[in-house]
């Protein structure tokens, strides 16, 4: 994968992550400052798990870099 392709894919991952952040915020706003119910907690946990996968995928893009000794 070229650096340009990596950059494009990384951008796509960031957009997905931001979209999931928005969904989490929407669910939290449903509670209107009150305690989240079980369904809301479950949905947030699922979204947070998906965000974690996205971050891991983004990090894998750059694990090909290996520093050399000077």
N, C-alpha and C. Protein backbone atom coordinates (compact mmCIF):
# COMPACT_ATOMS: atom_id res chain seq x y z
N UNK A 1 0.85 -1.18 0.00
CA UNK A 1 0.00 0.00 0.00
C UNK A 1 0.89 1.24 0.00
N UNK A 2 0.62 2.15 -0.91
CA UNK A 2 1.41 3.37 -0.98
C UNK A 2 1.03 4.31 0.17
N UNK A 3 1.88 5.29 0.41
CA UNK A 3 1.58 6.27 1.46
C UNK A 3 0.30 7.03 1.15
N UNK A 4 0.05 7.31 -0.13
CA UNK A 4 -1.17 8.01 -0.51
C UNK A 4 -2.40 7.15 -0.20
N UNK A 5 -2.31 5.86 -0.48
CA UNK A 5 -3.42 4.95 -0.19
C UNK A 5 -3.63 4.84 1.33
N UNK A 6 -2.52 4.79 2.06
CA UNK A 6 -2.61 4.74 3.52
C UNK A 6 -3.30 5.99 4.05
N UNK A 7 -2.91 7.14 3.51
CA UNK A 7 -3.50 8.41 3.96
C UNK A 7 -5.00 8.43 3.68
N UNK A 8 -5.40 7.96 2.51
CA UNK A 8 -6.82 7.93 2.16
C UNK A 8 -7.59 6.99 3.08
N UNK A 9 -7.03 5.82 3.32
CA UNK A 9 -7.68 4.84 4.20
C UNK A 9 -7.76 5.37 5.63
N UNK A 10 -6.67 6.01 6.08
CA UNK A 10 -6.65 6.60 7.42
C UNK A 10 -7.75 7.65 7.55
N UNK A 11 -7.91 8.46 6.52
CA UNK A 11 -8.97 9.47 6.52
C UNK A 11 -10.35 8.81 6.63
N UNK A 12 -10.56 7.74 5.89
CA UNK A 12 -11.83 7.00 5.96
C UNK A 12 -12.07 6.47 7.37
N UNK A 13 -11.02 5.95 7.99
CA UNK A 13 -11.15 5.45 9.36
C UNK A 13 -11.52 6.57 10.33
N UNK A 14 -10.89 7.74 10.15
CA UNK A 14 -11.21 8.88 11.01
C UNK A 14 -12.67 9.29 10.86
N UNK A 15 -13.16 9.28 9.63
CA UNK A 15 -14.56 9.63 9.40
C UNK A 15 -15.50 8.63 10.08
N UNK A 16 -15.17 7.35 9.98
CA UNK A 16 -15.99 6.32 10.65
C UNK A 16 -15.97 6.52 12.16
N UNK A 17 -14.78 6.82 12.70
CA UNK A 17 -14.63 7.03 14.14
C UNK A 17 -15.47 8.23 14.58
N UNK A 18 -15.40 9.30 13.82
CA UNK A 18 -16.19 10.50 14.14
C UNK A 18 -17.69 10.22 14.10
N UNK A 19 -18.10 9.43 13.12
CA UNK A 19 -19.52 9.09 13.00
C UNK A 19 -19.98 8.29 14.22
N UNK A 20 -19.14 7.36 14.67
CA UNK A 20 -19.48 6.58 15.87
C UNK A 20 -19.52 7.48 17.10
N UNK A 21 -18.60 8.44 17.18
CA UNK A 21 -18.62 9.41 18.30
C UNK A 21 -19.95 10.16 18.32
N UNK A 22 -20.43 10.53 17.15
CA UNK A 22 -21.72 11.22 17.05
C UNK A 22 -22.86 10.36 17.53
N UNK A 23 -22.82 9.08 17.20
CA UNK A 23 -23.87 8.16 17.64
C UNK A 23 -23.85 8.01 19.16
N UNK A 24 -22.65 7.93 19.73
CA UNK A 24 -22.54 7.85 21.20
C UNK A 24 -23.13 9.11 21.82
N UNK A 25 -22.81 10.26 21.27
CA UNK A 25 -23.34 11.53 21.80
C UNK A 25 -24.86 11.56 21.69
N UNK A 26 -25.41 11.05 20.59
CA UNK A 26 -26.86 11.01 20.42
C UNK A 26 -27.52 10.16 21.49
N UNK A 27 -26.92 9.01 21.77
CA UNK A 27 -27.49 8.12 22.78
C UNK A 27 -27.43 8.79 24.15
N UNK A 28 -26.31 9.43 24.44
CA UNK A 28 -26.18 10.10 25.74
C UNK A 28 -27.18 11.25 25.85
N UNK A 29 -27.47 11.91 24.74
CA UNK A 29 -28.43 13.01 24.80
C UNK A 29 -29.86 12.48 25.02
N UNK A 30 -30.12 11.25 24.62
CA UNK A 30 -31.43 10.64 24.89
C UNK A 30 -31.71 10.58 26.39
N UNK A 31 -30.65 10.36 27.16
CA UNK A 31 -30.80 10.25 28.60
C UNK A 31 -31.03 11.60 29.25
N UNK A 32 -30.73 12.67 28.54
CA UNK A 32 -30.95 14.04 29.01
C UNK A 32 -30.42 14.27 30.42
N UNK A 33 -29.17 13.85 30.66
CA UNK A 33 -28.55 14.09 31.95
C UNK A 33 -28.91 13.08 33.02
N UNK A 34 -29.79 12.16 32.70
CA UNK A 34 -30.16 11.13 33.67
C UNK A 34 -29.29 9.89 33.43
N UNK A 35 -29.46 8.91 34.28
CA UNK A 35 -28.69 7.68 34.15
C UNK A 35 -29.12 6.93 32.89
N UNK A 36 -28.14 6.40 32.18
CA UNK A 36 -28.43 5.61 30.98
C UNK A 36 -29.13 4.31 31.36
N UNK A 37 -30.09 3.90 30.53
CA UNK A 37 -30.73 2.61 30.79
C UNK A 37 -29.87 1.50 30.20
N UNK A 38 -30.24 0.26 30.43
CA UNK A 38 -29.44 -0.90 30.00
C UNK A 38 -29.25 -0.93 28.49
N UNK A 39 -30.30 -0.62 27.74
CA UNK A 39 -30.20 -0.62 26.28
C UNK A 39 -29.23 0.45 25.80
N UNK A 40 -29.31 1.62 26.38
CA UNK A 40 -28.40 2.70 26.00
C UNK A 40 -26.95 2.32 26.33
N UNK A 41 -26.74 1.74 27.51
CA UNK A 41 -25.39 1.30 27.89
C UNK A 41 -24.87 0.25 26.92
N UNK A 42 -25.73 -0.69 26.54
CA UNK A 42 -25.33 -1.75 25.61
C UNK A 42 -24.94 -1.16 24.26
N UNK A 43 -25.77 -0.24 23.76
CA UNK A 43 -25.47 0.37 22.46
C UNK A 43 -24.16 1.17 22.50
N UNK A 44 -23.95 1.90 23.59
CA UNK A 44 -22.71 2.67 23.72
C UNK A 44 -21.51 1.73 23.79
N UNK A 45 -21.63 0.65 24.54
CA UNK A 45 -20.53 -0.32 24.64
C UNK A 45 -20.20 -0.91 23.27
N UNK A 46 -21.21 -1.22 22.49
CA UNK A 46 -20.99 -1.75 21.14
C UNK A 46 -20.28 -0.73 20.26
N UNK A 47 -20.72 0.52 20.33
CA UNK A 47 -20.09 1.57 19.53
C UNK A 47 -18.65 1.82 19.97
N UNK A 48 -18.40 1.80 21.27
CA UNK A 48 -17.05 2.00 21.78
C UNK A 48 -16.13 0.85 21.35
N UNK A 49 -16.67 -0.37 21.32
CA UNK A 49 -15.88 -1.52 20.85
C UNK A 49 -15.52 -1.34 19.37
N UNK A 50 -16.46 -0.85 18.60
CA UNK A 50 -16.20 -0.60 17.18
C UNK A 50 -15.15 0.49 17.00
N UNK A 51 -15.22 1.53 17.83
CA UNK A 51 -14.22 2.60 17.78
C UNK A 51 -12.83 2.05 18.10
N UNK A 52 -12.74 1.15 19.06
CA UNK A 52 -11.47 0.54 19.43
C UNK A 52 -10.89 -0.24 18.26
N UNK A 53 -11.75 -0.95 17.53
CA UNK A 53 -11.29 -1.70 16.35
C UNK A 53 -10.75 -0.76 15.29
N UNK A 54 -11.42 0.36 15.11
CA UNK A 54 -10.99 1.34 14.11
C UNK A 54 -9.63 1.92 14.47
N UNK A 55 -9.44 2.24 15.74
CA UNK A 55 -8.15 2.78 16.19
C UNK A 55 -7.04 1.76 15.96
N UNK A 56 -7.31 0.50 16.29
CA UNK A 56 -6.31 -0.56 16.08
C UNK A 56 -5.97 -0.69 14.60
N UNK A 57 -6.97 -0.62 13.75
CA UNK A 57 -6.75 -0.70 12.31
C UNK A 57 -5.89 0.47 11.83
N UNK A 58 -6.17 1.65 12.33
CA UNK A 58 -5.39 2.83 11.95
C UNK A 58 -3.93 2.68 12.41
N UNK A 59 -3.73 2.15 13.59
CA UNK A 59 -2.36 1.95 14.09
C UNK A 59 -1.61 0.92 13.27
N UNK A 60 -2.31 -0.11 12.79
CA UNK A 60 -1.67 -1.14 11.96
C UNK A 60 -1.13 -0.56 10.65
N UNK A 61 -1.74 0.50 10.17
CA UNK A 61 -1.26 1.12 8.94
C UNK A 61 0.18 1.60 9.06
N UNK A 62 0.56 1.98 10.25
CA UNK A 62 1.87 2.61 10.43
C UNK A 62 2.86 1.72 11.18
N UNK A 63 2.51 0.47 11.42
CA UNK A 63 3.44 -0.44 12.08
C UNK A 63 4.46 -1.01 11.12
N UNK A 64 4.39 -0.63 9.87
CA UNK A 64 5.38 -1.09 8.90
C UNK A 64 6.67 -0.30 9.02
N UNK A 65 6.61 0.82 9.70
CA UNK A 65 7.79 1.65 9.89
C UNK A 65 8.69 1.01 10.94
N UNK A 66 9.97 0.80 10.58
CA UNK A 66 10.92 0.25 11.53
C UNK A 66 12.13 1.18 11.56
N UNK A 67 12.42 1.76 12.72
CA UNK A 67 13.55 2.67 12.80
C UNK A 67 14.87 1.93 12.55
N UNK A 68 15.83 2.64 11.96
CA UNK A 68 17.14 2.05 11.71
C UNK A 68 18.14 2.66 12.67
N UNK A 69 19.20 1.94 12.89
CA UNK A 69 20.25 2.46 13.77
C UNK A 69 21.09 3.48 13.02
N UNK A 70 21.49 4.49 13.72
CA UNK A 70 22.33 5.53 13.09
C UNK A 70 23.78 5.12 13.10
